[in-house]
């Protein structure tokens, strides 16, 4: 079994079976189809959030000076661990 939208919907349905009164059951798993409580744009959401955070972080001149780097993303490589 993979972990595509269909499987995510199955996990949500299973969770709701065991926790029928949990008002937050739609949030128990991400990656569901929109028809099962998923969010449009989900595919892009995580990557866009990471990009926006990095872009913001490298825009602070004082912080970049301490690291010996220039501001901005251009010419930088980023490693993300544990996301």
Protein backbone atom coordinates (compact mmCIF):
# COMPACT_ATOMS: atom_id res chain seq x y z
CA UNK A 1 0.00 0.00 0.00
CA UNK A 2 1.35 3.44 -0.92
CA UNK A 3 0.69 6.71 0.84
CA UNK A 4 -1.32 8.53 -1.80
CA UNK A 5 -4.55 10.49 -1.33
CA UNK A 6 -6.70 7.35 -1.32
CA UNK A 7 -4.67 5.82 1.51
CA UNK A 8 -4.73 9.06 3.48
CA UNK A 9 -8.53 9.11 3.21
CA UNK A 10 -8.60 5.51 4.46
CA UNK A 11 -6.48 6.48 7.49
CA UNK A 12 -8.83 9.39 8.25
CA UNK A 13 -11.89 7.14 7.96
CA UNK A 14 -10.29 4.53 10.22
CA UNK A 15 -9.40 7.19 12.80
CA UNK A 16 -12.98 8.50 12.74
CA UNK A 17 -14.28 4.96 13.31
CA UNK A 18 -12.25 4.67 16.51
CA UNK A 19 -12.77 8.31 17.59
CA UNK A 20 -16.32 9.19 16.45
CA UNK A 21 -16.63 12.25 18.72
CA UNK A 22 -13.30 13.88 17.82
CA UNK A 23 -14.19 17.18 16.16
CA UNK A 24 -10.61 17.44 14.86
CA UNK A 25 -10.61 14.09 13.07
CA UNK A 26 -10.15 15.74 9.66
CA UNK A 27 -6.75 16.95 10.89
CA UNK A 28 -5.46 13.52 11.92
CA UNK A 29 -3.66 13.04 8.59
CA UNK A 30 -2.61 15.25 5.67
CA UNK A 31 -2.65 14.49 1.95
CA UNK A 32 -6.33 13.54 1.70
CA UNK A 33 -8.39 14.19 -1.44
CA UNK A 34 -10.32 17.47 -1.33
CA UNK A 35 -13.56 15.46 -1.26
CA UNK A 36 -12.39 13.83 1.98
CA UNK A 37 -11.43 17.04 3.79
CA UNK A 38 -8.14 17.66 2.00
CA UNK A 39 -6.87 21.09 1.05
CA UNK A 40 -6.47 22.41 -2.50
CA UNK A 41 -2.84 23.29 -3.20
CA UNK A 42 -1.56 20.81 -0.63
CA UNK A 43 1.09 19.49 -3.02
CA UNK A 44 2.73 22.90 -3.13
CA UNK A 45 2.01 23.96 0.44
CA UNK A 46 4.95 22.41 2.27
CA UNK A 47 7.60 23.33 -0.28
CA UNK A 48 6.28 26.87 -0.64
CA UNK A 49 6.32 27.31 3.14
CA UNK A 50 9.91 26.11 3.35
CA UNK A 51 10.97 28.40 0.48
CA UNK A 52 9.21 31.41 2.02
CA UNK A 53 10.83 30.76 5.42
CA UNK A 54 14.32 30.46 3.94
CA UNK A 55 13.85 33.54 1.75
CA UNK A 56 12.80 35.51 4.82
CA UNK A 57 15.64 34.17 6.98
CA UNK A 58 18.36 35.14 4.48
CA UNK A 59 16.96 38.66 4.09
CA UNK A 60 18.31 39.88 7.46
CA UNK A 61 21.65 41.57 6.77
CA UNK A 62 22.75 41.52 10.40
CA UNK A 63 22.24 37.76 10.63
CA UNK A 64 23.89 37.08 7.28
CA UNK A 65 26.89 39.26 8.24
CA UNK A 66 27.40 37.11 11.37
CA UNK A 67 27.48 34.03 9.15
CA UNK A 68 29.77 35.60 6.56
CA UNK A 69 27.05 35.43 3.90
CA UNK A 70 25.32 37.91 1.67
CA UNK A 71 21.61 38.53 1.86
CA UNK A 72 19.26 36.87 -0.59
CA UNK A 73 18.87 33.34 -1.90
CA UNK A 74 20.92 33.62 -5.07
CA UNK A 75 24.04 31.47 -5.04
CA UNK A 76 23.16 29.63 -1.82
CA UNK A 77 22.58 25.94 -1.20
CA UNK A 78 20.27 24.83 1.56
CA UNK A 79 20.03 21.52 3.41
CA UNK A 80 16.79 20.71 5.17
CA UNK A 81 16.81 17.96 7.74
CA UNK A 82 13.90 16.56 9.68
CA UNK A 83 11.09 18.12 7.69
